[in-house]
Amino acid sequence: MSTAPVTASNGFDPNNVNLSTADATQIVCYLELTHNEYDGKLGARISALFVIGIVSTVVTFFPVVAKRVRWLRIPLYVYLFARYFGAGVIVATAFIHLLDPA
Protein backbone atom coordinates (compact mmCIF):
# COMPACT_ATOMS: atom_id res chain seq x y z
CA MET A 1 0.00 0.00 0.00
CA SER A 2 1.24 3.45 -0.84
CA THR A 3 2.15 5.77 2.02
CA ALA A 4 1.31 8.93 0.08
CA PRO A 5 -1.00 11.12 2.10
CA VAL A 6 -4.52 11.39 0.87
CA THR A 7 -5.13 15.11 0.41
CA ALA A 8 -7.05 17.48 -1.79
CA SER A 9 -4.15 17.46 -4.28
CA ASN A 10 -5.09 13.96 -5.47
CA GLY A 11 -8.81 14.73 -5.63
CA PHE A 12 -9.94 13.73 -2.12
CA ASP A 13 -10.78 16.33 0.50
CA PRO A 14 -11.40 14.61 3.87
CA ASN A 15 -13.12 17.72 5.28
CA ASN A 16 -15.75 17.79 2.52
CA VAL A 17 -16.92 14.29 1.59
CA ASN A 18 -20.04 13.30 -0.29
CA LEU A 19 -20.43 9.64 0.66
CA SER A 20 -22.65 8.86 -2.32
CA THR A 21 -20.00 9.89 -4.87
CA ALA A 22 -16.71 9.36 -2.97
CA ASP A 23 -14.42 6.47 -3.81
CA ALA A 24 -14.50 3.95 -0.96
CA THR A 25 -10.81 3.14 -1.28
CA GLN A 26 -9.85 6.77 -0.72
CA ILE A 27 -12.01 6.97 2.40
CA VAL A 28 -10.51 3.77 3.81
CA CYS A 29 -6.97 4.94 3.01
CA TYR A 30 -7.59 8.25 4.77
CA LEU A 31 -9.01 6.48 7.83
CA GLU A 32 -5.96 4.21 7.98
CA LEU A 33 -3.66 7.25 7.95
CA THR A 34 -5.35 8.82 10.98
CA HIS A 35 -3.90 7.95 14.35
CA ASN A 36 -6.01 6.14 16.91
CA GLU A 37 -5.33 6.41 20.65
CA TYR A 38 -6.13 2.72 21.19
CA ASP A 39 -2.96 0.99 22.42
CA GLY A 40 -4.11 -2.62 22.15
CA LYS A 41 -4.41 -3.45 25.85
CA LEU A 42 -7.68 -5.29 25.43
CA GLY A 43 -7.07 -7.58 28.42
CA ALA A 44 -6.70 -4.60 30.75
CA ARG A 45 -9.93 -3.10 29.48
CA ILE A 46 -11.88 -6.33 29.91
CA SER A 47 -10.48 -6.92 33.41
CA ALA A 48 -11.35 -3.32 34.32
CA LEU A 49 -14.99 -4.07 33.47
CA PHE A 50 -14.99 -7.02 35.85
CA VAL A 51 -13.25 -5.04 38.60
CA ILE A 52 -15.76 -2.19 38.28
CA GLY A 53 -18.66 -4.64 38.32
CA ILE A 54 -17.45 -6.55 41.39
CA VAL A 55 -16.51 -3.45 43.38
CA SER A 56 -19.83 -1.78 42.50
CA THR A 57 -21.76 -4.85 43.63
CA VAL A 58 -19.89 -5.09 46.94
CA VAL A 59 -20.28 -1.38 47.68
CA THR A 60 -23.95 -1.45 46.69
CA PHE A 61 -24.80 -4.31 49.03
CA PHE A 62 -22.67 -3.01 51.92
CA PRO A 63 -25.43 -0.85 53.48
CA VAL A 64 -27.90 -3.76 53.30
CA VAL A 65 -25.44 -6.19 54.89
CA ALA A 66 -24.33 -3.64 57.48
CA LYS A 67 -27.91 -3.04 58.55
CA ARG A 68 -28.82 -6.73 58.85
CA VAL A 69 -25.62 -8.19 60.32
CA ARG A 70 -25.28 -6.97 63.89
CA TRP A 71 -21.67 -8.12 64.51
CA LEU A 72 -20.43 -5.48 62.04
CA ARG A 73 -21.61 -2.75 64.46
CA ILE A 74 -21.63 0.08 61.97
CA PRO A 75 -22.66 3.35 63.69
CA LEU A 76 -25.89 4.87 62.44
CA TYR A 77 -24.24 8.08 61.20
CA VAL A 78 -21.75 6.10 59.07
CA TYR A 79 -24.58 4.07 57.58
CA LEU A 80 -26.64 7.18 56.83
CA PHE A 81 -23.62 9.00 55.37
CA ALA A 82 -22.89 6.09 53.02
CA ARG A 83 -26.52 5.84 51.98
CA TYR A 84 -26.97 9.55 51.29
CA PHE A 85 -23.58 9.81 49.59
CA GLY A 86 -24.57 6.99 47.23
CA ALA A 87 -27.89 8.66 46.48
CA GLY A 88 -26.04 11.92 45.77
CA VAL A 89 -23.71 10.16 43.34
CA ILE A 90 -26.68 8.74 41.45
CA VAL A 91 -28.44 12.12 41.27
CA ALA A 92 -25.20 13.87 40.21
CA THR A 93 -24.67 11.28 37.48
CA ALA A 94 -28.21 11.86 36.23
CA PHE A 95 -27.64 15.63 36.06
CA ILE A 96 -24.28 15.23 34.30
CA HIS A 97 -25.89 13.06 31.64
CA LEU A 98 -28.46 15.77 30.98
CA LEU A 99 -25.66 18.02 29.69
CA ASP A 100 -25.21 18.25 25.93
CA PRO A 101 -21.68 16.77 25.49
CA ALA A 102 -22.40 13.74 27.69
PDB file of N, CA and C in Angstrom:
ATOM      1  N   MET A   1       0.840  -1.177   0.000  1.00  0.00           N
ATOM      2  CA  MET A   1       0.000   0.000   0.000  1.00  0.00           C
ATOM      3  C   MET A   1       0.879   1.231   0.000  1.00  0.00           C
ATOM      4  N   SER A   2       0.490   2.201  -0.723  1.00  0.00           N
ATOM      5  CA  SER A   2       1.242   3.446  -0.837  1.00  0.00           C
ATOM      6  C   SER A   2       1.109   4.257   0.448  1.00  0.00           C
ATOM      7  N   THR A   3       2.185   4.946   0.821  1.00  0.00           N
ATOM      8  CA  THR A   3       2.154   5.770   2.019  1.00  0.00           C
ATOM      9  C   THR A   3       1.936   7.233   1.690  1.00  0.00           C
ATOM     10  N   ALA A   4       1.561   7.545   0.451  1.00  0.00           N
ATOM     11  CA  ALA A   4       1.306   8.926   0.076  1.00  0.00           C
ATOM     12  C   ALA A   4       0.072   9.425   0.803  1.00  0.00           C
ATOM     13  N   PRO A   5       0.158  10.601   1.373  1.00  0.00           N
ATOM     14  CA  PRO A   5      -0.997  11.120   2.101  1.00  0.00           C
ATOM     15  C   PRO A   5      -2.156  11.412   1.167  1.00  0.00           C
ATOM     16  N   VAL A   6      -3.329  11.137   1.641  1.00  0.00           N
ATOM     17  CA  VAL A   6      -4.523  11.391   0.867  1.00  0.00           C
ATOM     18  C   VAL A   6      -4.946  12.817   1.173  1.00  0.00           C
ATOM     19  N   THR A   7      -4.804  13.692   0.213  1.00  0.00           N
ATOM     20  CA  THR A   7      -5.131  15.106   0.406  1.00  0.00           C
ATOM     21  C   THR A   7      -5.951  15.598  -0.765  1.00  0.00           C
ATOM     22  N   ALA A   8      -6.262  16.882  -0.719  1.00  0.00           N
ATOM     23  CA  ALA A   8      -7.047  17.485  -1.791  1.00  0.00           C
ATOM     24  C   ALA A   8      -6.275  17.519  -3.105  1.00  0.00           C
ATOM     25  N   SER A   9      -4.936  17.405  -3.056  1.00  0.00           N
ATOM     26  CA  SER A   9      -4.145  17.458  -4.282  1.00  0.00           C
ATOM     27  C   SER A   9      -4.401  16.255  -5.189  1.00  0.00           C
ATOM     28  N   ASN A  10      -4.787  15.111  -4.619  1.00  0.00           N
ATOM     29  CA  ASN A  10      -5.090  13.958  -5.465  1.00  0.00           C
ATOM     30  C   ASN A  10      -6.593  13.744  -5.610  1.00  0.00           C
ATOM     31  N   GLY A  11      -7.381  14.802  -5.360  1.00  0.00           N
ATOM     32  CA  GLY A  11      -8.809  14.734  -5.630  1.00  0.00           C
ATOM     33  C   GLY A  11      -9.684  14.349  -4.455  1.00  0.00           C
ATOM     34  N   PHE A  12      -9.129  14.133  -3.269  1.00  0.00           N
ATOM     35  CA  PHE A  12      -9.940  13.725  -2.120  1.00  0.00           C
ATOM     36  C   PHE A  12      -9.746  14.733  -1.000  1.00  0.00           C
ATOM     37  N   ASP A  13     -10.823  15.372  -0.602  1.00  0.00           N
ATOM     38  CA  ASP A  13     -10.776  16.334   0.502  1.00  0.00           C
ATOM     39  C   ASP A  13     -11.485  15.700   1.689  1.00  0.00           C
ATOM     40  N   PRO A  14     -10.759  15.306   2.750  1.00  0.00           N
ATOM     41  CA  PRO A  14     -11.396  14.613   3.874  1.00  0.00           C
ATOM     42  C   PRO A  14     -12.333  15.496   4.686  1.00  0.00           C
ATOM     43  N   ASN A  15     -12.241  16.814   4.528  1.00  0.00           N
ATOM     44  CA  ASN A  15     -13.122  17.718   5.275  1.00  0.00           C
ATOM     45  C   ASN A  15     -14.447  17.954   4.568  1.00  0.00           C
ATOM     46  N   ASN A  16     -14.537  17.580   3.296  1.00  0.00           N
ATOM     47  CA  ASN A  16     -15.748  17.790   2.523  1.00  0.00           C
ATOM     48  C   ASN A  16     -15.999  16.533   1.687  1.00  0.00           C
ATOM     49  N   VAL A  17     -16.723  15.579   2.243  1.00  0.00           N
ATOM     50  CA  VAL A  17     -16.916  14.293   1.586  1.00  0.00           C
ATOM     51  C   VAL A  17     -18.400  14.075   1.310  1.00  0.00           C
ATOM     52  N   ASN A  18     -18.700  13.724   0.086  1.00  0.00           N
ATOM     53  CA  ASN A  18     -20.039  13.296  -0.290  1.00  0.00           C
ATOM     54  C   ASN A  18     -19.976  11.773  -0.375  1.00  0.00           C
ATOM     55  N   LEU A  19     -20.573  11.099   0.574  1.00  0.00           N
ATOM     56  CA  LEU A  19     -20.433   9.645   0.662  1.00  0.00           C
ATOM     57  C   LEU A  19     -21.091   8.907  -0.502  1.00  0.00           C
ATOM     58  N   SER A  20     -22.010   9.549  -1.193  1.00  0.00           N
ATOM     59  CA  SER A  20     -22.649   8.859  -2.318  1.00  0.00           C
ATOM     60  C   SER A  20     -21.774   8.875  -3.568  1.00  0.00           C
ATOM     61  N   THR A  21     -20.844   9.833  -3.683  1.00  0.00           N
ATOM     62  CA  THR A  21     -19.996   9.895  -4.874  1.00  0.00           C
ATOM     63  C   THR A  21     -18.523   9.622  -4.582  1.00  0.00           C
ATOM     64  N   ALA A  22     -18.122   9.545  -3.318  1.00  0.00           N
ATOM     65  CA  ALA A  22     -16.707   9.362  -2.975  1.00  0.00           C
ATOM     66  C   ALA A  22     -16.277   7.928  -3.242  1.00  0.00           C
ATOM     67  N   ASP A  23     -15.007   7.785  -3.586  1.00  0.00           N
ATOM     68  CA  ASP A  23     -14.422   6.473  -3.810  1.00  0.00           C
ATOM     69  C   ASP A  23     -14.139   5.822  -2.451  1.00  0.00           C
ATOM     70  N   ALA A  24     -14.646   4.617  -2.253  1.00  0.00           N
ATOM     71  CA  ALA A  24     -14.503   3.949  -0.957  1.00  0.00           C
ATOM     72  C   ALA A  24     -13.046   3.678  -0.598  1.00  0.00           C
ATOM     73  N   THR A  25     -12.214   3.417  -1.583  1.00  0.00           N
ATOM     74  CA  THR A  25     -10.806   3.137  -1.284  1.00  0.00           C
ATOM     75  C   THR A  25     -10.095   4.370  -0.744  1.00  0.00           C
ATOM     76  N   GLN A  26     -10.463   5.558  -1.235  1.00  0.00           N
ATOM     77  CA  GLN A  26      -9.848   6.774  -0.720  1.00  0.00           C
ATOM     78  C   GLN A  26     -10.280   7.046   0.718  1.00  0.00           C
ATOM     79  N   ILE A  27     -11.532   6.772   1.030  1.00  0.00           N
ATOM     80  CA  ILE A  27     -12.015   6.975   2.400  1.00  0.00           C
ATOM     81  C   ILE A  27     -11.299   6.027   3.341  1.00  0.00           C
ATOM     82  N   VAL A  28     -11.186   4.760   2.964  1.00  0.00           N
ATOM     83  CA  VAL A  28     -10.512   3.773   3.807  1.00  0.00           C
ATOM     84  C   VAL A  28      -9.042   4.132   3.981  1.00  0.00           C
ATOM     85  N   CYS A  29      -8.378   4.555   2.901  1.00  0.00           N
ATOM     86  CA  CYS A  29      -6.967   4.941   3.007  1.00  0.00           C
ATOM     87  C   CYS A  29      -6.789   6.127   3.939  1.00  0.00           C
ATOM     88  N   TYR A  30      -7.690   7.096   3.881  1.00  0.00           N
ATOM     89  CA  TYR A  30      -7.585   8.250   4.773  1.00  0.00           C
ATOM     90  C   TYR A  30      -7.792   7.834   6.229  1.00  0.00           C
ATOM     91  N   LEU A  31      -8.762   6.940   6.462  1.00  0.00           N
ATOM     92  CA  LEU A  31      -9.014   6.485   7.831  1.00  0.00           C
ATOM     93  C   LEU A  31      -7.829   5.695   8.380  1.00  0.00           C
ATOM     94  N   GLU A  32      -7.132   4.953   7.526  1.00  0.00           N
ATOM     95  CA  GLU A  32      -5.962   4.210   7.979  1.00  0.00           C
ATOM     96  C   GLU A  32      -4.791   5.123   8.296  1.00  0.00           C
ATOM     97  N   LEU A  33      -4.744   6.300   7.685  1.00  0.00           N
ATOM     98  CA  LEU A  33      -3.665   7.247   7.955  1.00  0.00           C
ATOM     99  C   LEU A  33      -3.863   8.005   9.267  1.00  0.00           C
ATOM    100  N   THR A  34      -5.104   8.111   9.726  1.00  0.00           N
ATOM    101  CA  THR A  34      -5.347   8.823  10.979  1.00  0.00           C
ATOM    102  C   THR A  34      -4.855   7.985  12.138  1.00  0.00           C
ATOM    103  N   HIS A  35      -4.444   8.652  13.186  1.00  0.00           N
ATOM    104  CA  HIS A  35      -3.904   7.947  14.347  1.00  0.00           C
ATOM    105  C   HIS A  35      -4.989   7.727  15.386  1.00  0.00           C
ATOM    106  N   ASN A  36      -5.040   6.523  15.894  1.00  0.00           N
ATOM    107  CA  ASN A  36      -6.006   6.144  16.909  1.00  0.00           C
ATOM    108  C   ASN A  36      -5.286   6.048  18.246  1.00  0.00           C
ATOM    109  N   GLU A  37      -5.944   6.450  19.332  1.00  0.00           N
ATOM    110  CA  GLU A  37      -5.331   6.410  20.652  1.00  0.00           C
ATOM    111  C   GLU A  37      -5.366   5.013  21.276  1.00  0.00           C
ATOM    112  N   TYR A  38      -6.027   4.063  20.639  1.00  0.00           N
ATOM    113  CA  TYR A  38      -6.127   2.718  21.192  1.00  0.00           C
ATOM    114  C   TYR A  38      -4.762   2.049  21.167  1.00  0.00           C
ATOM    115  N   ASP A  39      -4.304   1.557  22.312  1.00  0.00           N
ATOM    116  CA  ASP A  39      -2.959   0.991  22.415  1.00  0.00           C
ATOM    117  C   ASP A  39      -2.942  -0.531  22.406  1.00  0.00           C
ATOM    118  N   GLY A  40      -4.077  -1.179  22.277  1.00  0.00           N
ATOM    119  CA  GLY A  40      -4.111  -2.622  22.150  1.00  0.00           C
ATOM    120  C   GLY A  40      -4.185  -3.403  23.447  1.00  0.00           C
ATOM    121  N   LYS A  41      -4.340  -2.750  24.564  1.00  0.00           N
ATOM    122  CA  LYS A  41      -4.410  -3.453  25.851  1.00  0.00           C
ATOM    123  C   LYS A  41      -5.850  -3.891  26.120  1.00  0.00           C
ATOM    124  N   LEU A  42      -6.308  -4.818  25.316  1.00  0.00           N
ATOM    125  CA  LEU A  42      -7.683  -5.286  25.428  1.00  0.00           C
ATOM    126  C   LEU A  42      -7.914  -6.050  26.721  1.00  0.00           C
ATOM    127  N   GLY A  43      -6.926  -6.834  27.175  1.00  0.00           N
ATOM    128  CA  GLY A  43      -7.071  -7.584  28.420  1.00  0.00           C
ATOM    129  C   GLY A  43      -7.266  -6.673  29.620  1.00  0.00           C
ATOM    130  N   ALA A  44      -6.548  -5.553  29.645  1.00  0.00           N
ATOM    131  CA  ALA A  44      -6.696  -4.599  30.747  1.00  0.00           C
ATOM    132  C   ALA A  44      -8.079  -3.965  30.740  1.00  0.00           C
ATOM    133  N   ARG A  45      -8.595  -3.709  29.559  1.00  0.00           N
ATOM    134  CA  ARG A  45      -9.925  -3.103  29.479  1.00  0.00           C
ATOM    135  C   ARG A  45     -11.014  -4.078  29.917  1.00  0.00           C
ATOM    136  N   ILE A  46     -10.883  -5.333  29.519  1.00  0.00           N
ATOM    137  CA  ILE A  46     -11.882  -6.331  29.913  1.00  0.00           C
ATOM    138  C   ILE A  46     -11.804  -6.597  31.408  1.00  0.00           C
ATOM    139  N   SER A  47     -10.600  -6.699  31.966  1.00  0.00           N
ATOM    140  CA  SER A  47     -10.485  -6.924  33.407  1.00  0.00           C
ATOM    141  C   SER A  47     -10.985  -5.718  34.186  1.00  0.00           C
ATOM    142  N   ALA A  48     -10.831  -4.518  33.648  1.00  0.00           N
ATOM    143  CA  ALA A  48     -11.352  -3.320  34.318  1.00  0.00           C
ATOM    144  C   ALA A  48     -12.868  -3.380  34.419  1.00  0.00           C
ATOM    145  N   LEU A  49     -13.530  -3.928  33.404  1.00  0.00           N
ATOM    146  CA  LEU A  49     -14.988  -4.073  33.470  1.00  0.00           C
ATOM    147  C   LEU A  49     -15.395  -4.997  34.614  1.00  0.00           C
ATOM    148  N   PHE A  50     -14.670  -6.110  34.767  1.00  0.00           N
ATOM    149  CA  PHE A  50     -14.993  -7.024  35.854  1.00  0.00           C
ATOM    150  C   PHE A  50     -14.694  -6.409  37.221  1.00  0.00           C
ATOM    151  N   VAL A  51     -13.588  -5.689  37.326  1.00  0.00           N
ATOM    152  CA  VAL A  51     -13.252  -5.038  38.603  1.00  0.00           C
ATOM    153  C   VAL A  51     -14.319  -4.019  38.970  1.00  0.00           C
ATOM    154  N   ILE A  52     -14.725  -3.190  38.015  1.00  0.00           N
ATOM    155  CA  ILE A  52     -15.757  -2.191  38.281  1.00  0.00           C
ATOM    156  C   ILE A  52     -17.070  -2.862  38.674  1.00  0.00           C
ATOM    157  N   GLY A  53     -17.427  -3.940  37.991  1.00  0.00           N
ATOM    158  CA  GLY A  53     -18.664  -4.641  38.321  1.00  0.00           C
ATOM    159  C   GLY A  53     -18.644  -5.262  39.701  1.00  0.00           C
ATOM    160  N   ILE A  54     -17.545  -5.908  40.071  1.00  0.00           N
ATOM    161  CA  ILE A  54     -17.453  -6.555  41.391  1.00  0.00           C
ATOM    162  C   ILE A  54     -17.418  -5.528  42.502  1.00  0.00           C
ATOM    163  N   VAL A  55     -16.601  -4.484  42.343  1.00  0.00           N
ATOM    164  CA  VAL A  55     -16.511  -3.450  43.381  1.00  0.00           C
ATOM    165  C   VAL A  55     -17.851  -2.728  43.528  1.00  0.00           C
ATOM    166  N   SER A  56     -18.519  -2.441  42.427  1.00  0.00           N
ATOM    167  CA  SER A  56     -19.827  -1.783  42.497  1.00  0.00           C
ATOM    168  C   SER A  56     -20.846  -2.651  43.227  1.00  0.00           C
ATOM    169  N   THR A  57     -20.822  -3.950  42.956  1.00  0.00           N
ATOM    170  CA  THR A  57     -21.756  -4.851  43.627  1.00  0.00           C
ATOM    171  C   THR A  57     -21.493  -4.913  45.124  1.00  0.00           C
ATOM    172  N   VAL A  58     -20.233  -5.022  45.521  1.00  0.00           N
ATOM    173  CA  VAL A  58     -19.888  -5.092  46.945  1.00  0.00           C
ATOM    174  C   VAL A  58     -20.284  -3.803  47.653  1.00  0.00           C
ATOM    175  N   VAL A  59     -19.962  -2.667  47.048  1.00  0.00           N
ATOM    176  CA  VAL A  59     -20.276  -1.384  47.679  1.00  0.00           C
ATOM    177  C   VAL A  59     -21.781  -1.138  47.703  1.00  0.00           C
ATOM    178  N   THR A  60     -22.501  -1.626  46.715  1.00  0.00           N
ATOM    179  CA  THR A  60     -23.947  -1.449  46.694  1.00  0.00           C
ATOM    180  C   THR A  60     -24.625  -2.251  47.791  1.00  0.00           C
ATOM    181  N   PHE A  61     -24.159  -3.467  48.015  1.00  0.00           N
ATOM    182  CA  PHE A  61     -24.796  -4.309  49.026  1.00  0.00           C
ATOM    183  C   PHE A  61     -24.264  -4.073  50.440  1.00  0.00           C
ATOM    184  N   PHE A  62     -23.220  -3.259  50.588  1.00  0.00           N
ATOM    185  CA  PHE A  62     -22.671  -3.014  51.918  1.00  0.00           C
ATOM    186  C   PHE A  62     -23.689  -2.415  52.888  1.00  0.00           C
ATOM    187  N   PRO A  63     -24.454  -1.379  52.516  1.00  0.00           N
ATOM    188  CA  PRO A  63     -25.431  -0.854  53.476  1.00  0.00           C
ATOM    189  C   PRO A  63     -26.476  -1.882  53.900  1.00  0.00           C
ATOM    190  N   VAL A  64     -26.896  -2.737  52.969  1.00  0.00           N
ATOM    191  CA  VAL A  64     -27.895  -3.756  53.303  1.00  0.00           C
ATOM    192  C   VAL A  64     -27.304  -4.761  54.285  1.00  0.00           C
ATOM    193  N   VAL A  65     -26.093  -5.218  54.008  1.00  0.00           N
ATOM    194  CA  VAL A  65     -25.442  -6.191  54.887  1.00  0.00           C
ATOM    195  C   VAL A  65     -25.120  -5.557  56.242  1.00  0.00           C
ATOM    196  N   ALA A  66     -24.674  -4.316  56.232  1.00  0.00           N
ATOM    197  CA  ALA A  66     -24.328  -3.636  57.480  1.00  0.00           C
ATOM    198  C   ALA A  66     -25.549  -3.436  58.361  1.00  0.00           C
ATOM    199  N   LYS A  67     -26.685  -3.238  57.770  1.00  0.00           N
ATOM    200  CA  LYS A  67     -27.911  -3.036  58.550  1.00  0.00           C
ATOM    201  C   LYS A  67     -28.422  -4.355  59.127  1.00  0.00           C
ATOM    202  N   ARG A  68     -28.251  -5.456  58.416  1.00  0.00           N
ATOM    203  CA  ARG A  68     -28.822  -6.733  58.854  1.00  0.00           C
ATOM    204  C   ARG A  68     -27.883  -7.571  59.705  1.00  0.00           C
ATOM    205  N   VAL A  69     -26.587  -7.410  59.558  1.00  0.00           N
ATOM    206  CA  VAL A  69     -25.619  -8.194  60.323  1.00  0.00           C
ATOM    207  C   VAL A  69     -25.172  -7.358  61.519  1.00  0.00           C
ATOM    208  N   ARG A  70     -25.521  -7.775  62.701  1.00  0.00           N
ATOM    209  CA  ARG A  70     -25.281  -6.974  63.891  1.00  0.00           C
ATOM    210  C   ARG A  70     -23.820  -7.009  64.354  1.00  0.00           C
ATOM    211  N   TRP A  71     -23.041  -8.047  64.015  1.00  0.00           N
ATOM    212  CA  TRP A  71     -21.672  -8.121  64.513  1.00  0.00           C
ATOM    213  C   TRP A  71     -20.748  -7.138  63.802  1.00  0.00           C
ATOM    214  N   LEU A  72     -21.229  -6.511  62.689  1.00  0.00           N
ATOM    215  CA  LEU A  72     -20.426  -5.476  62.044  1.00  0.00           C
ATOM    216  C   LEU A  72     -20.400  -4.184  62.871  1.00  0.00           C
ATOM    217  N   ARG A  73     -21.466  -3.914  63.577  1.00  0.00           N
ATOM    218  CA  ARG A  73     -21.609  -2.752  64.459  1.00  0.00           C
ATOM    219  C   ARG A  73     -21.211  -1.444  63.777  1.00  0.00           C
ATOM    220  N   ILE A  74     -21.848  -1.169  62.678  1.00  0.00           N
ATOM    221  CA  ILE A  74     -21.631   0.084  61.969  1.00  0.00           C
ATOM    222  C   ILE A  74     -22.478   1.161  62.649  1.00  0.00           C
ATOM    223  N   PRO A  75     -21.869   2.275  63.068  1.00  0.00           N
ATOM    224  CA  PRO A  75     -22.659   3.350  63.689  1.00  0.00           C
ATOM    225  C   PRO A  75     -23.699   3.899  62.713  1.00  0.00           C
ATOM    226  N   LEU A  76     -24.787   4.392  63.259  1.00  0.00           N
ATOM    227  CA  LEU A  76     -25.888   4.865  62.444  1.00  0.00           C
ATOM    228  C   LEU A  76     -25.451   6.012  61.529  1.00  0.00           C
ATOM    229  N   TYR A  77     -24.630   6.941  62.026  1.00  0.00           N
ATOM    230  CA  TYR A  77     -24.236   8.082  61.203  1.00  0.00           C
ATOM    231  C   TYR A  77     -23.351   7.653  60.028  1.00  0.00           C
ATOM    232  N   VAL A  78     -22.557   6.598  60.188  1.00  0.00           N
ATOM    233  CA  VAL A  78     -21.745   6.098  59.071  1.00  0.00           C
ATOM    234  C   VAL A  78     -22.660   5.460  58.026  1.00  0.00           C
ATOM    235  N   TYR A  79     -23.635   4.701  58.490  1.00  0.00           N
ATOM    236  CA  TYR A  79     -24.583   4.069  57.581  1.00  0.00           C
ATOM    237  C   TYR A  79     -25.367   5.123  56.804  1.00  0.00           C
ATOM    238  N   LEU A  80     -25.874   6.142  57.501  1.00  0.00           N
ATOM    239  CA  LEU A  80     -26.641   7.185  56.830  1.00  0.00           C
ATOM    240  C   LEU A  80     -25.770   7.990  55.865  1.00  0.00           C
ATOM    241  N   PHE A  81     -24.517   8.269  56.259  1.00  0.00           N
ATOM    242  CA  PHE A  81     -23.616   8.997  55.369  1.00  0.00           C
ATOM    243  C   PHE A  81     -23.382   8.209  54.081  1.00  0.00           C
ATOM    244  N   ALA A  82     -23.126   6.918  54.198  1.00  0.00           N
ATOM    245  CA  ALA A  82     -22.887   6.091  53.019  1.00  0.00           C
ATOM    246  C   ALA A  82     -24.128   6.033  52.127  1.00  0.00           C
ATOM    247  N   ARG A  83     -25.284   5.923  52.748  1.00  0.00           N
ATOM    248  CA  ARG A  83     -26.521   5.836  51.983  1.00  0.00           C
ATOM    249  C   ARG A  83     -26.817   7.135  51.239  1.00  0.00           C
ATOM    250  N   TYR A  84     -26.685   8.259  51.930  1.00  0.00           N
ATOM    251  CA  TYR A  84     -26.972   9.546  51.291  1.00  0.00           C
ATOM    252  C   TYR A  84     -25.890   9.934  50.287  1.00  0.00           C
ATOM    253  N   PHE A  85     -24.654   9.545  50.548  1.00  0.00           N
ATOM    254  CA  PHE A  85     -23.583   9.806  49.594  1.00  0.00           C
ATOM    255  C   PHE A  85     -23.842   9.040  48.298  1.00  0.00           C
ATOM    256  N   GLY A  86     -24.246   7.789  48.408  1.00  0.00           N
ATOM    257  CA  GLY A  86     -24.569   6.987  47.226  1.00  0.00           C
ATOM    258  C   GLY A  86     -25.734   7.569  46.446  1.00  0.00           C
ATOM    259  N   ALA A  87     -26.755   8.036  47.167  1.00  0.00           N
ATOM    260  CA  ALA A  87     -27.892   8.660  46.484  1.00  0.00           C
ATOM    261  C   ALA A  87     -27.451   9.938  45.775  1.00  0.00           C
ATOM    262  N   GLY A  88     -26.558  10.694  46.388  1.00  0.00           N
ATOM    263  CA  GLY A  88     -26.042  11.915  45.765  1.00  0.00           C
ATOM    264  C   GLY A  88     -25.244  11.619  44.514  1.00  0.00           C
ATOM    265  N   VAL A  89     -24.476  10.548  44.535  1.00  0.00           N
ATOM    266  CA  VAL A  89     -23.714  10.165  43.345  1.00  0.00           C
ATOM    267  C   VAL A  89     -24.658   9.811  42.201  1.00  0.00           C
ATOM    268  N   ILE A  90     -25.721   9.107  42.493  1.00  0.00           N
ATOM    269  CA  ILE A  90     -26.683   8.735  41.450  1.00  0.00           C
ATOM    270  C   ILE A  90     -27.370   9.972  40.883  1.00  0.00           C
ATOM    271  N   VAL A  91     -27.783  10.896  41.746  1.00  0.00           N
ATOM    272  CA  VAL A  91     -28.437  12.119  41.272  1.00  0.00           C
ATOM    273  C   VAL A  91     -27.456  12.977  40.468  1.00  0.00           C
ATOM    274  N   ALA A  92     -26.204  13.094  40.938  1.00  0.00           N
ATOM    275  CA  ALA A  92     -25.202  13.875  40.206  1.00  0.00           C
ATOM    276  C   ALA A  92     -24.929  13.263  38.837  1.00  0.00           C
ATOM    277  N   THR A  93     -24.878  11.947  38.763  1.00  0.00           N
ATOM    278  CA  THR A  93     -24.671  11.280  37.476  1.00  0.00           C
ATOM    279  C   THR A  93     -25.833  11.561  36.531  1.00  0.00           C
ATOM    280  N   ALA A  94     -27.041  11.558  37.061  1.00  0.00           N
ATOM    281  CA  ALA A  94     -28.205  11.861  36.228  1.00  0.00           C
ATOM    282  C   ALA A  94     -28.128  13.279  35.686  1.00  0.00           C
ATOM    283  N   PHE A  95     -27.737  14.244  36.519  1.00  0.00           N
ATOM    284  CA  PHE A  95     -27.637  15.627  36.056  1.00  0.00           C
ATOM    285  C   PHE A  95     -26.509  15.802  35.044  1.00  0.00           C
ATOM    286  N   ILE A  96     -25.390  15.130  35.250  1.00  0.00           N
ATOM    287  CA  ILE A  96     -24.277  15.230  34.303  1.00  0.00           C
ATOM    288  C   ILE A  96     -24.688  14.696  32.938  1.00  0.00           C
ATOM    289  N   HIS A  97     -25.481  13.623  32.917  1.00  0.00           N
ATOM    290  CA  HIS A  97     -25.889  13.055  31.642  1.00  0.00           C
ATOM    291  C   HIS A  97     -26.971  13.871  30.959  1.00  0.00           C
ATOM    292  N   LEU A  98     -27.518  14.866  31.632  1.00  0.00           N
ATOM    293  CA  LEU A  98     -28.456  15.775  30.976  1.00  0.00           C
ATOM    294  C   LEU A  98     -27.720  16.849  30.175  1.00  0.00           C
ATOM    295  N   LEU A  99     -26.434  17.028  30.428  1.00  0.00           N
ATOM    296  CA  LEU A  99     -25.663  18.021  29.688  1.00  0.00           C
ATOM    297  C   LEU A  99     -25.468  17.576  28.249  1.00  0.00           C
ATOM    298  N   ASP A 100     -25.287  18.526  27.367  1.00  0.00           N
ATOM    299  CA  ASP A 100     -25.212  18.246  25.935  1.00  0.00           C
ATOM    300  C   ASP A 100     -24.038  17.359  25.531  1.00  0.00           C
ATOM    301  N   PRO A 101     -22.785  17.613  25.961  1.00  0.00           N
ATOM    302  CA  PRO A 101     -21.681  16.769  25.487  1.00  0.00           C
ATOM    303  C   PRO A 101     -21.694  15.351  26.026  1.00  0.00           C
ATOM    304  N   ALA A 102     -22.382  15.082  27.119  1.00  0.00           N
ATOM    305  CA  ALA A 102     -22.398  13.737  27.688  1.00  0.00           C
ATOM    306  C   ALA A 102     -23.220  12.860  26.800  1.00  0.00           C
TER     307      ALA A 102
END
